[in-house]
């Protein structure tokens, strides 16, 4: 089971981009009111390690900052793997699968 860390603000998000220079960072953008997002969340529950959680219903500024900083158009639910300050993998909606996320994080370790 993963350890979820809520991304509280844009400064914390920037710190995650910086931290990705040392290790992969997994961002998960989640909407608690969306059934598709709930299905993706269930998949993320099977991923080991830390997951940086952005609640898109309450953290609009952080959600927009992820889009701006990563260059990836927002589509929640959304999973993004960061490495060396840039996204190396992303998926949204039904493409978020535990095995795909796990493989993407593992591949980012080698970047």
PDB file of N, CA and C in Angstrom:
ATOM      1  N   UNK A   1       0.846  -1.180   0.000  1.00  0.00           N
ATOM      2  CA  UNK A   1       0.000   0.000   0.000  1.00  0.00           C
ATOM      3  C   UNK A   1       0.892   1.245   0.000  1.00  0.00           C
ATOM      4  N   UNK A   2       0.516   2.228  -0.787  1.00  0.00           N
ATOM      5  CA  UNK A   2       1.349   3.437  -0.857  1.00  0.00           C
ATOM      6  C   UNK A   2       1.158   4.349   0.347  1.00  0.00           C
ATOM      7  N   UNK A   3       2.090   5.254   0.473  1.00  0.00           N
ATOM      8  CA  UNK A   3       1.959   6.329   1.454  1.00  0.00           C
ATOM      9  C   UNK A   3       1.563   7.572   0.664  1.00  0.00           C
ATOM     10  N   UNK A   4       0.360   8.096   0.929  1.00  0.00           N
ATOM     11  CA  UNK A   4      -0.114   9.287   0.243  1.00  0.00           C
ATOM     12  C   UNK A   4       0.340  10.536   0.985  1.00  0.00           C
ATOM     13  N   UNK A   5       0.887  11.487   0.237  1.00  0.00           N
ATOM     14  CA  UNK A   5       1.291  12.782   0.778  1.00  0.00           C
ATOM     15  C   UNK A   5       0.535  13.850   0.007  1.00  0.00           C
ATOM     16  N   UNK A   6      -0.284  14.610   0.702  1.00  0.00           N
ATOM     17  CA  UNK A   6      -1.021  15.675   0.038  1.00  0.00           C
ATOM     18  C   UNK A   6      -0.055  16.810  -0.325  1.00  0.00           C
ATOM     19  N   UNK A   7      -0.158  17.274  -1.555  1.00  0.00           N
ATOM     20  CA  UNK A   7       0.654  18.408  -2.008  1.00  0.00           C
ATOM     21  C   UNK A   7      -0.112  19.670  -1.611  1.00  0.00           C
ATOM     22  N   UNK A   8       0.354  20.391  -0.590  1.00  0.00           N
ATOM     23  CA  UNK A   8      -0.458  21.478  -0.028  1.00  0.00           C
ATOM     24  C   UNK A   8      -0.482  22.764  -0.857  1.00  0.00           C
ATOM     25  N   UNK A   9       0.587  23.026  -1.611  1.00  0.00           N
ATOM     26  CA  UNK A   9       0.647  24.310  -2.320  1.00  0.00           C
ATOM     27  C   UNK A   9       1.670  24.247  -3.441  1.00  0.00           C
ATOM     28  N   UNK A  10       1.795  25.340  -4.164  1.00  0.00           N
ATOM     29  CA  UNK A  10       2.702  25.388  -5.311  1.00  0.00           C
ATOM     30  C   UNK A  10       4.170  25.288  -4.898  1.00  0.00           C
ATOM     31  N   UNK A  11       4.519  25.799  -3.729  1.00  0.00           N
ATOM     32  CA  UNK A  11       5.902  25.674  -3.246  1.00  0.00           C
ATOM     33  C   UNK A  11       6.263  24.209  -3.007  1.00  0.00           C
ATOM     34  N   UNK A  12       5.330  23.463  -2.423  1.00  0.00           N
ATOM     35  CA  UNK A  12       5.568  22.035  -2.199  1.00  0.00           C
ATOM     36  C   UNK A  12       5.685  21.300  -3.535  1.00  0.00           C
ATOM     37  N   UNK A  13       4.875  21.695  -4.502  1.00  0.00           N
ATOM     38  CA  UNK A  13       4.963  21.088  -5.827  1.00  0.00           C
ATOM     39  C   UNK A  13       6.342  21.343  -6.437  1.00  0.00           C
ATOM     40  N   UNK A  14       6.814  22.558  -6.322  1.00  0.00           N
ATOM     41  CA  UNK A  14       8.138  22.882  -6.854  1.00  0.00           C
ATOM     42  C   UNK A  14       9.213  22.049  -6.160  1.00  0.00           C
ATOM     43  N   UNK A  15       9.059  21.831  -4.870  1.00  0.00           N
ATOM     44  CA  UNK A  15      10.010  20.989  -4.132  1.00  0.00           C
ATOM     45  C   UNK A  15      10.004  19.552  -4.655  1.00  0.00           C
ATOM     46  N   UNK A  16       8.840  19.076  -5.090  1.00  0.00           N
ATOM     47  CA  UNK A  16       8.757  17.726  -5.651  1.00  0.00           C
ATOM     48  C   UNK A  16       9.481  17.635  -6.992  1.00  0.00           C
ATOM     49  N   UNK A  17       9.346  18.677  -7.804  1.00  0.00           N
ATOM     50  CA  UNK A  17      10.090  18.694  -9.063  1.00  0.00           C
ATOM     51  C   UNK A  17      11.588  18.667  -8.780  1.00  0.00           C
ATOM     52  N   UNK A  18      12.022  19.379  -7.759  1.00  0.00           N
ATOM     53  CA  UNK A  18      13.437  19.369  -7.371  1.00  0.00           C
ATOM     54  C   UNK A  18      13.843  18.004  -6.825  1.00  0.00           C
ATOM     55  N   UNK A  19      12.989  17.407  -5.998  1.00  0.00           N
ATOM     56  CA  UNK A  19      13.287  16.099  -5.422  1.00  0.00           C
ATOM     57  C   UNK A  19      13.416  15.028  -6.498  1.00  0.00           C
ATOM     58  N   UNK A  20      12.766  15.234  -7.627  1.00  0.00           N
ATOM     59  CA  UNK A  20      12.811  14.242  -8.706  1.00  0.00           C
ATOM     60  C   UNK A  20      14.201  14.141  -9.337  1.00  0.00           C
ATOM     61  N   UNK A  21      15.094  15.055  -8.995  1.00  0.00           N
ATOM     62  CA  UNK A  21      16.476  14.946  -9.469  1.00  0.00           C
ATOM     63  C   UNK A  21      17.201  13.811  -8.747  1.00  0.00           C
ATOM     64  N   UNK A  22      16.718  13.443  -7.556  1.00  0.00           N
ATOM     65  CA  UNK A  22      17.335  12.382  -6.768  1.00  0.00           C
ATOM     66  C   UNK A  22      16.632  11.042  -6.908  1.00  0.00           C
ATOM     67  N   UNK A  23      15.315  11.075  -7.148  1.00  0.00           N
ATOM     68  CA  UNK A  23      14.523   9.845  -7.247  1.00  0.00           C
ATOM     69  C   UNK A  23      13.232  10.153  -8.005  1.00  0.00           C
ATOM     70  N   UNK A  24      12.588   9.129  -8.551  1.00  0.00           N
ATOM     71  CA  UNK A  24      11.310   9.359  -9.232  1.00  0.00           C
ATOM     72  C   UNK A  24      10.253   9.864  -8.245  1.00  0.00           C
ATOM     73  N   UNK A  25       9.381  10.721  -8.726  1.00  0.00           N
ATOM     74  CA  UNK A  25       8.266  11.244  -7.946  1.00  0.00           C
ATOM     75  C   UNK A  25       6.986  10.908  -8.697  1.00  0.00           C
ATOM     76  N   UNK A  26       6.031  10.317  -7.984  1.00  0.00           N
ATOM     77  CA  UNK A  26       4.735   9.982  -8.574  1.00  0.00           C
ATOM     78  C   UNK A  26       3.685  10.975  -8.092  1.00  0.00           C
ATOM     79  N   UNK A  27       3.132  11.734  -9.035  1.00  0.00           N
ATOM     80  CA  UNK A  27       2.014  12.633  -8.749  1.00  0.00           C
ATOM     81  C   UNK A  27       0.719  11.937  -9.145  1.00  0.00           C
ATOM     82  N   UNK A  28      -0.303  12.052  -8.305  1.00  0.00           N
ATOM     83  CA  UNK A  28      -1.624  11.529  -8.650  1.00  0.00           C
ATOM     84  C   UNK A  28      -2.643  12.636  -8.441  1.00  0.00           C
ATOM     85  N   UNK A  29      -3.276  13.059  -9.527  1.00  0.00           N
ATOM     86  CA  UNK A  29      -4.307  14.088  -9.480  1.00  0.00           C
ATOM     87  C   UNK A  29      -5.652  13.383  -9.412  1.00  0.00           C
ATOM     88  N   UNK A  30      -6.384  13.654  -8.348  1.00  0.00           N
ATOM     89  CA  UNK A  30      -7.573  12.870  -7.996  1.00  0.00           C
ATOM     90  C   UNK A  30      -8.760  13.780  -7.709  1.00  0.00           C
ATOM     91  N   UNK A  31      -9.925  13.354  -8.181  1.00  0.00           N
ATOM     92  CA  UNK A  31     -11.191  14.036  -7.911  1.00  0.00           C
ATOM     93  C   UNK A  31     -12.066  13.069  -7.131  1.00  0.00           C
ATOM     94  N   UNK A  32     -12.260  13.337  -5.857  1.00  0.00           N
ATOM     95  CA  UNK A  32     -13.006  12.425  -4.991  1.00  0.00           C
ATOM     96  C   UNK A  32     -14.461  12.242  -5.401  1.00  0.00           C
ATOM     97  N   UNK A  33     -14.985  13.123  -6.240  1.00  0.00           N
ATOM     98  CA  UNK A  33     -16.389  13.025  -6.643  1.00  0.00           C
ATOM     99  C   UNK A  33     -16.575  12.289  -7.968  1.00  0.00           C
ATOM    100  N   UNK A  34     -15.497  11.890  -8.602  1.00  0.00           N
ATOM    101  CA  UNK A  34     -15.543  11.290  -9.942  1.00  0.00           C
ATOM    102  C   UNK A  34     -15.404   9.765  -9.862  1.00  0.00           C
ATOM    103  N   UNK A  35     -16.351   9.028 -10.436  1.00  0.00           N
ATOM    104  CA  UNK A  35     -16.241   7.558 -10.417  1.00  0.00           C
ATOM    105  C   UNK A  35     -14.991   7.036 -11.133  1.00  0.00           C
ATOM    106  N   UNK A  36     -14.605   7.650 -12.239  1.00  0.00           N
ATOM    107  CA  UNK A  36     -13.379   7.220 -12.932  1.00  0.00           C
ATOM    108  C   UNK A  36     -12.156   7.443 -12.062  1.00  0.00           C
ATOM    109  N   UNK A  37     -12.153   8.550 -11.351  1.00  0.00           N
ATOM    110  CA  UNK A  37     -11.039   8.845 -10.464  1.00  0.00           C
ATOM    111  C   UNK A  37     -10.991   7.844  -9.306  1.00  0.00           C
ATOM    112  N   UNK A  38     -12.142   7.433  -8.835  1.00  0.00           N
ATOM    113  CA  UNK A  38     -12.186   6.423  -7.772  1.00  0.00           C
ATOM    114  C   UNK A  38     -11.605   5.099  -8.259  1.00  0.00           C
ATOM    115  N   UNK A  39     -11.888   4.722  -9.501  1.00  0.00           N
ATOM    116  CA  UNK A  39     -11.323   3.502 -10.070  1.00  0.00           C
ATOM    117  C   UNK A  39      -9.799   3.618 -10.185  1.00  0.00           C
ATOM    118  N   UNK A  40      -9.325   4.788 -10.622  1.00  0.00           N
ATOM    119  CA  UNK A  40      -7.878   5.000 -10.730  1.00  0.00           C
ATOM    120  C   UNK A  40      -7.235   4.977  -9.340  1.00  0.00           C
ATOM    121  N   UNK A  41      -7.908   5.568  -8.364  1.00  0.00           N
ATOM    122  CA  UNK A  41      -7.402   5.559  -6.985  1.00  0.00           C
ATOM    123  C   UNK A  41      -7.238   4.121  -6.489  1.00  0.00           C
ATOM    124  N   UNK A  42      -8.204   3.263  -6.806  1.00  0.00           N
ATOM    125  CA  UNK A  42      -8.109   1.863  -6.411  1.00  0.00           C
ATOM    126  C   UNK A  42      -6.878   1.200  -7.028  1.00  0.00           C
ATOM    127  N   UNK A  43      -6.548   1.566  -8.256  1.00  0.00           N
ATOM    128  CA  UNK A  43      -5.335   1.044  -8.898  1.00  0.00           C
ATOM    129  C   UNK A  43      -4.085   1.551  -8.171  1.00  0.00           C
ATOM    130  N   UNK A  44      -4.085   2.831  -7.822  1.00  0.00           N
ATOM    131  CA  UNK A  44      -2.932   3.427  -7.130  1.00  0.00           C
ATOM    132  C   UNK A  44      -2.715   2.774  -5.770  1.00  0.00           C
ATOM    133  N   UNK A  45      -3.791   2.279  -5.161  1.00  0.00           N
ATOM    134  CA  UNK A  45      -3.652   1.594  -3.872  1.00  0.00           C
ATOM    135  C   UNK A  45      -2.747   0.365  -3.960  1.00  0.00           C
ATOM    136  N   UNK A  46      -2.568  -0.176  -5.163  1.00  0.00           N
ATOM    137  CA  UNK A  46      -1.710  -1.342  -5.344  1.00  0.00           C
ATOM    138  C   UNK A  46      -0.280  -0.981  -5.729  1.00  0.00           C
ATOM    139  N   UNK A  47       0.065   0.292  -5.676  1.00  0.00           N
ATOM    140  CA  UNK A  47       1.413   0.756  -6.000  1.00  0.00           C
ATOM    141  C   UNK A  47       2.180   0.962  -4.699  1.00  0.00           C
ATOM    142  N   UNK A  48       3.382   0.435  -4.645  1.00  0.00           N
ATOM    143  CA  UNK A  48       4.222   0.601  -3.454  1.00  0.00           C
ATOM    144  C   UNK A  48       4.931   1.953  -3.489  1.00  0.00           C
ATOM    145  N   UNK A  49       5.242   2.479  -2.324  1.00  0.00           N
ATOM    146  CA  UNK A  49       6.024   3.713  -2.237  1.00  0.00           C
ATOM    147  C   UNK A  49       5.169   4.927  -1.950  1.00  0.00           C
ATOM    148  N   UNK A  50       5.730   6.077  -2.241  1.00  0.00           N
ATOM    149  CA  UNK A  50       5.058   7.339  -1.948  1.00  0.00           C
ATOM    150  C   UNK A  50       4.317   7.855  -3.168  1.00  0.00           C
ATOM    151  N   UNK A  51       3.142   8.406  -2.902  1.00  0.00           N
ATOM    152  CA  UNK A  51       2.315   9.006  -3.945  1.00  0.00           C
ATOM    153  C   UNK A  51       1.981  10.423  -3.498  1.00  0.00           C
ATOM    154  N   UNK A  52       2.329  11.377  -4.340  1.00  0.00           N
ATOM    155  CA  UNK A  52       2.065  12.781  -4.043  1.00  0.00           C
ATOM    156  C   UNK A  52       0.679  13.106  -4.602  1.00  0.00           C
ATOM    157  N   UNK A  53      -0.259  13.395  -3.728  1.00  0.00           N
ATOM    158  CA  UNK A  53      -1.675  13.519  -4.066  1.00  0.00           C
ATOM    159  C   UNK A  53      -2.107  14.975  -4.222  1.00  0.00           C
ATOM    160  N   UNK A  54      -2.738  15.265  -5.355  1.00  0.00           N
ATOM    161  CA  UNK A  54      -3.341  16.573  -5.591  1.00  0.00           C
ATOM    162  C   UNK A  54      -4.838  16.356  -5.712  1.00  0.00           C
ATOM    163  N   UNK A  55      -5.611  16.937  -4.796  1.00  0.00           N
ATOM    164  CA  UNK A  55      -7.068  16.872  -4.846  1.00  0.00           C
ATOM    165  C   UNK A  55      -7.541  17.998  -5.761  1.00  0.00           C
ATOM    166  N   UNK A  56      -7.944  17.638  -6.970  1.00  0.00           N
ATOM    167  CA  UNK A  56      -8.261  18.664  -7.968  1.00  0.00           C
ATOM    168  C   UNK A  56      -9.524  19.452  -7.637  1.00  0.00           C
ATOM    169  N   UNK A  57     -10.362  18.944  -6.728  1.00  0.00           N
ATOM    170  CA  UNK A  57     -11.579  19.678  -6.374  1.00  0.00           C
ATOM    171  C   UNK A  57     -11.304  20.795  -5.373  1.00  0.00           C
ATOM    172  N   UNK A  58     -10.243  20.659  -4.592  1.00  0.00           N
ATOM    173  CA  UNK A  58      -9.957  21.678  -3.574  1.00  0.00           C
ATOM    174  C   UNK A  58      -8.647  22.420  -3.811  1.00  0.00           C
ATOM    175  N   UNK A  59      -7.823  21.925  -4.735  1.00  0.00           N
ATOM    176  CA  UNK A  59      -6.501  22.506  -4.948  1.00  0.00           C
ATOM    177  C   UNK A  59      -6.335  22.969  -6.397  1.00  0.00           C
ATOM    178  N   UNK A  60      -7.186  23.870  -6.812  1.00  0.00           N
ATOM    179  CA  UNK A  60      -7.171  24.330  -8.198  1.00  0.00           C
ATOM    180  C   UNK A  60      -5.831  24.957  -8.584  1.00  0.00           C
ATOM    181  N   UNK A  61      -5.259  25.759  -7.705  1.00  0.00           N
ATOM    182  CA  UNK A  61      -3.980  26.409  -8.027  1.00  0.00           C
ATOM    183  C   UNK A  61      -2.873  25.381  -8.213  1.00  0.00           C
ATOM    184  N   UNK A  62      -2.853  24.347  -7.389  1.00  0.00           N
ATOM    185  CA  UNK A  62      -1.835  23.306  -7.512  1.00  0.00           C
ATOM    186  C   UNK A  62      -2.073  22.519  -8.798  1.00  0.00           C
ATOM    187  N   UNK A  63      -3.326  22.210  -9.085  1.00  0.00           N
ATOM    188  CA  UNK A  63      -3.663  21.490 -10.322  1.00  0.00           C
ATOM    189  C   UNK A  63      -3.170  22.266 -11.539  1.00  0.00           C
ATOM    190  N   UNK A  64      -3.421  23.568 -11.564  1.00  0.00           N
ATOM    191  CA  UNK A  64      -2.977  24.395 -12.691  1.00  0.00           C
ATOM    192  C   UNK A  64      -1.447  24.482 -12.746  1.00  0.00           C
ATOM    193  N   UNK A  65      -0.819  24.500 -11.578  1.00  0.00           N
ATOM    194  CA  UNK A  65       0.647  24.557 -11.530  1.00  0.00           C
ATOM    195  C   UNK A  65       1.263  23.269 -12.065  1.00  0.00           C
ATOM    196  N   UNK A  66       0.633  22.132 -11.802  1.00  0.00           N
ATOM    197  CA  UNK A  66       1.128  20.861 -12.355  1.00  0.00           C
ATOM    198  C   UNK A  66       1.098  20.931 -13.873  1.00  0.00           C
ATOM    199  N   UNK A  67      -0.007  21.401 -14.410  1.00  0.00           N
ATOM    200  CA  UNK A  67      -0.146  21.508 -15.867  1.00  0.00           C
ATOM    201  C   UNK A  67       0.904  22.459 -16.445  1.00  0.00           C
ATOM    202  N   UNK A  68       1.046  23.604 -15.830  1.00  0.00           N
ATOM    203  CA  UNK A  68       1.994  24.615 -16.301  1.00  0.00           C
ATOM    204  C   UNK A  68       3.442  24.118 -16.181  1.00  0.00           C
ATOM    205  N   UNK A  69       3.764  23.537 -15.051  1.00  0.00           N
ATOM    206  CA  UNK A  69       5.147  23.127 -14.771  1.00  0.00           C
ATOM    207  C   UNK A  69       5.554  21.886 -15.570  1.00  0.00           C
ATOM    208  N   UNK A  70       4.604  20.957 -15.760  1.00  0.00           N
ATOM    209  CA  UNK A  70       4.925  19.708 -16.454  1.00  0.00           C
ATOM    210  C   UNK A  70       4.739  19.800 -17.964  1.00  0.00           C
ATOM    211  N   UNK A  71       3.875  20.719 -18.394  1.00  0.00           N
ATOM    212  CA  UNK A  71       3.558  20.797 -19.813  1.00  0.00           C
ATOM    213  C   UNK A  71       2.531  19.769 -20.246  1.00  0.00           C
ATOM    214  N   UNK A  72       1.951  19.056 -19.300  1.00  0.00           N
ATOM    215  CA  UNK A  72       0.951  18.026 -19.600  1.00  0.00           C
ATOM    216  C   UNK A  72      -0.433  18.586 -19.301  1.00  0.00           C
ATOM    217  N   UNK A  73      -1.297  18.546 -20.311  1.00  0.00           N
ATOM    218  CA  UNK A  73      -2.668  19.028 -20.151  1.00  0.00           C
ATOM    219  C   UNK A  73      -3.369  18.244 -19.035  1.00  0.00           C
ATOM    220  N   UNK A  74      -4.078  18.976 -18.177  1.00  0.00           N
ATOM    221  CA  UNK A  74      -4.771  18.343 -17.053  1.00  0.00           C
ATOM    222  C   UNK A  74      -5.941  17.491 -17.539  1.00  0.00           C
ATOM    223  N   UNK A  75      -5.982  16.250 -17.055  1.00  0.00           N
ATOM    224  CA  UNK A  75      -7.089  15.331 -17.282  1.00  0.00           C
ATOM    225  C   UNK A  75      -7.181  14.429 -16.060  1.00  0.00           C
ATOM    226  N   UNK A  76      -8.005  14.787 -15.092  1.00  0.00           N
ATOM    227  CA  UNK A  76      -8.070  13.925 -13.912  1.00  0.00           C
ATOM    228  C   UNK A  76      -9.089  12.812 -14.160  1.00  0.00           C
ATOM    229  N   UNK A  77      -8.824  11.643 -13.589  1.00  0.00           N
ATOM    230  CA  UNK A  77      -7.638  11.317 -12.804  1.00  0.00           C
ATOM    231  C   UNK A  77      -6.406  11.258 -13.687  1.00  0.00           C
ATOM    232  N   UNK A  78      -5.282  11.533 -13.078  1.00  0.00           N
ATOM    233  CA  UNK A  78      -4.045  11.593 -13.842  1.00  0.00           C
ATOM    234  C   UNK A  78      -2.877  11.172 -12.959  1.00  0.00           C
ATOM    235  N   UNK A  79      -1.989  10.365 -13.521  1.00  0.00           N
ATOM    236  CA  UNK A  79      -0.763   9.969 -12.838  1.00  0.00           C
ATOM    237  C   UNK A  79       0.407  10.457 -13.680  1.00  0.00           C
ATOM    238  N   UNK A  80       1.384  11.060 -13.016  1.00  0.00           N
ATOM    239  CA  UNK A  80       2.558  11.597 -13.695  1.00  0.00           C
ATOM    240  C   UNK A  80       3.798  11.177 -12.907  1.00  0.00           C
ATOM    241  N   UNK A  81       4.764  10.612 -13.610  1.00  0.00           N
ATOM    242  CA  UNK A  81       6.050  10.280 -12.986  1.00  0.00           C
ATOM    243  C   UNK A  81       7.041  11.361 -13.395  1.00  0.00           C
ATOM    244  N   UNK A  82       7.686  11.946 -12.390  1.00  0.00           N
ATOM    245  CA  UNK A  82       8.708  12.971 -12.620  1.00  0.00           C
ATOM    246  C   UNK A  82      10.084  12.378 -12.350  1.00  0.00           C
ATOM    247  N   UNK A  83      11.041  12.778 -13.184  1.00  0.00           N
ATOM    248  CA  UNK A  83      12.439  12.403 -12.938  1.00  0.00           C
ATOM    249  C   UNK A  83      13.322  13.487 -13.527  1.00  0.00           C
ATOM    250  N   UNK A  84      14.266  13.937 -12.728  1.00  0.00           N
ATOM    251  CA  UNK A  84      15.193  15.004 -13.127  1.00  0.00           C
ATOM    252  C   UNK A  84      14.464  16.270 -13.567  1.00  0.00           C
ATOM    253  N   UNK A  85      13.354  16.544 -12.864  1.00  0.00           N
ATOM    254  CA  UNK A  85      12.629  17.793 -13.091  1.00  0.00           C
ATOM    255  C   UNK A  85      11.656  17.795 -14.249  1.00  0.00           C
ATOM    256  N   UNK A  86      11.493  16.647 -14.905  1.00  0.00           N
ATOM    257  CA  UNK A  86      10.577  16.581 -16.051  1.00  0.00           C
ATOM    258  C   UNK A  86       9.721  15.321 -15.961  1.00  0.00           C
ATOM    259  N   UNK A  87       8.551  15.342 -16.593  1.00  0.00           N
ATOM    260  CA  UNK A  87       7.733  14.130 -16.623  1.00  0.00           C
ATOM    261  C   UNK A  87       8.359  13.088 -17.556  1.00  0.00           C
ATOM    262  N   UNK A  88       8.408  11.848 -17.096  1.00  0.00           N
ATOM    263  CA  UNK A  88       8.913  10.754 -17.927  1.00  0.00           C
ATOM    264  C   UNK A  88       7.790   9.832 -18.370  1.00  0.00           C
ATOM    265  N   UNK A  89       6.628   9.949 -17.736  1.00  0.00           N
ATOM    266  CA  UNK A  89       5.488   9.087 -18.058  1.00  0.00           C
ATOM    267  C   UNK A  89       4.244   9.739 -17.496  1.00  0.00           C
ATOM    268  N   UNK A  90       3.132   9.547 -18.173  1.00  0.00           N
ATOM    269  CA  UNK A  90       1.853   9.992 -17.625  1.00  0.00           C
ATOM    270  C   UNK A  90       0.733   9.171 -18.224  1.00  0.00           C
ATOM    271  N   UNK A  91      -0.359   9.104 -17.485  1.00  0.00           N
ATOM    272  CA  UNK A  91      -1.565   8.414 -17.933  1.00  0.00           C
ATOM    273  C   UNK A  91      -2.759   9.070 -17.267  1.00  0.00           C
ATOM    274  N   UNK A  92      -3.896   8.922 -17.905  1.00  0.00           N
ATOM    275  CA  UNK A  92      -5.118   9.449 -17.307  1.00  0.00           C
ATOM    276  C   UNK A  92      -6.252   8.445 -17.490  1.00  0.00           C
ATOM    277  N   UNK A  93      -7.296   8.679 -16.739  1.00  0.00           N
ATOM    278  CA  UNK A  93      -8.523   7.886 -16.804  1.00  0.00           C
ATOM    279  C   UNK A  93      -8.239   6.386 -16.680  1.00  0.00           C
ATOM    280  N   UNK A  94      -8.800   5.583 -17.559  1.00  0.00           N
ATOM    281  CA  UNK A  94      -8.688   4.130 -17.476  1.00  0.00           C
ATOM    282  C   UNK A  94      -7.320   3.575 -17.796  1.00  0.00           C
ATOM    283  N   UNK A  95      -6.418   4.418 -18.267  1.00  0.00           N
ATOM    284  CA  UNK A  95      -5.055   3.952 -18.546  1.00  0.00           C
ATOM    285  C   UNK A  95      -4.206   3.883 -17.284  1.00  0.00           C
ATOM    286  N   UNK A  96      -4.731   4.351 -16.172  1.00  0.00           N
ATOM    287  CA  UNK A  96      -3.993   4.275 -14.904  1.00  0.00           C
ATOM    288  C   UNK A  96      -4.201   2.879 -14.330  1.00  0.00           C
ATOM    289  N   UNK A  97      -3.159   2.072 -14.433  1.00  0.00           N
ATOM    290  CA  UNK A  97      -3.163   0.702 -13.931  1.00  0.00           C
ATOM    291  C   UNK A  97      -1.966   0.523 -13.014  1.00  0.00           C
ATOM    292  N   UNK A  98      -2.155  -0.206 -11.941  1.00  0.00           N
ATOM    293  CA  UNK A  98      -1.091  -0.380 -10.955  1.00  0.00           C
ATOM    294  C   UNK A  98       0.194  -0.875 -11.597  1.00  0.00           C
ATOM    295  N   UNK A  99       0.087  -1.869 -12.479  1.00  0.00           N
ATOM    296  CA  UNK A  99       1.304  -2.423 -13.073  1.00  0.00           C
ATOM    297  C   UNK A  99       2.000  -1.405 -13.974  1.00  0.00           C
ATOM    298  N   UNK A 100       1.240  -0.602 -14.710  1.00  0.00           N
ATOM    299  CA  UNK A 100       1.843   0.424 -15.578  1.00  0.00           C
ATOM    300  C   UNK A 100       2.540   1.499 -14.758  1.00  0.00           C
ATOM    301  N   UNK A 101       1.891   1.916 -13.680  1.00  0.00           N
ATOM    302  CA  UNK A 101       2.476   2.943 -12.812  1.00  0.00           C
ATOM    303  C   UNK A 101       3.757   2.403 -12.174  1.00  0.00           C
ATOM    304  N   UNK A 102       3.695   1.185 -11.664  1.00  0.00           N
ATOM    305  CA  UNK A 102       4.863   0.576 -11.036  1.00  0.00           C
ATOM    306  C   UNK A 102       6.020   0.466 -12.023  1.00  0.00           C
ATOM    307  N   UNK A 103       5.729   0.038 -13.246  1.00  0.00           N
ATOM    308  CA  UNK A 103       6.765  -0.068 -14.275  1.00  0.00           C
ATOM    309  C   UNK A 103       7.342   1.294 -14.627  1.00  0.00           C
ATOM    310  N   UNK A 104       6.487   2.319 -14.695  1.00  0.00           N
ATOM    311  CA  UNK A 104       6.963   3.670 -15.040  1.00  0.00           C
ATOM    312  C   UNK A 104       7.869   4.224 -13.952  1.00  0.00           C
ATOM    313  N   UNK A 105       7.521   4.000 -12.705  1.00  0.00           N
ATOM    314  CA  UNK A 105       8.363   4.464 -11.596  1.00  0.00           C
ATOM    315  C   UNK A 105       9.696   3.721 -11.624  1.00  0.00           C
ATOM    316  N   UNK A 106       9.661   2.424 -11.848  1.00  0.00           N
ATOM    317  CA  UNK A 106      10.898   1.629 -11.907  1.00  0.00           C
ATOM    318  C   UNK A 106      11.774   2.082 -13.064  1.00  0.00           C
ATOM    319  N   UNK A 107      11.179   2.332 -14.212  1.00  0.00           N
ATOM    320  CA  UNK A 107      11.955   2.789 -15.382  1.00  0.00           C
ATOM    321  C   UNK A 107      12.584   4.147 -15.122  1.00  0.00           C
ATOM    322  N   UNK A 108      11.889   5.001 -14.384  1.00  0.00           N
ATOM    323  CA  UNK A 108      12.415   6.343 -14.090  1.00  0.00           C
ATOM    324  C   UNK A 108      13.622   6.286 -13.167  1.00  0.00           C
ATOM    325  N   UNK A 109      13.752   5.227 -12.407  1.00  0.00           N
ATOM    326  CA  UNK A 109      14.943   5.084 -11.544  1.00  0.00           C
ATOM    327  C   UNK A 109      16.219   5.009 -12.371  1.00  0.00           C
ATOM    328  N   UNK A 110      16.091   4.487 -13.589  1.00  0.00           N
ATOM    329  CA  UNK A 110      17.247   4.295 -14.452  1.00  0.00           C
ATOM    330  C   UNK A 110      17.570   5.510 -15.319  1.00  0.00           C
ATOM    331  N   UNK A 111      16.765   6.538 -15.218  1.00  0.00           N
ATOM    332  CA  UNK A 111      16.965   7.735 -16.062  1.00  0.00           C
ATOM    333  C   UNK A 111      18.087   8.562 -15.481  1.00  0.00           C
TER     334      UNK A 111
END
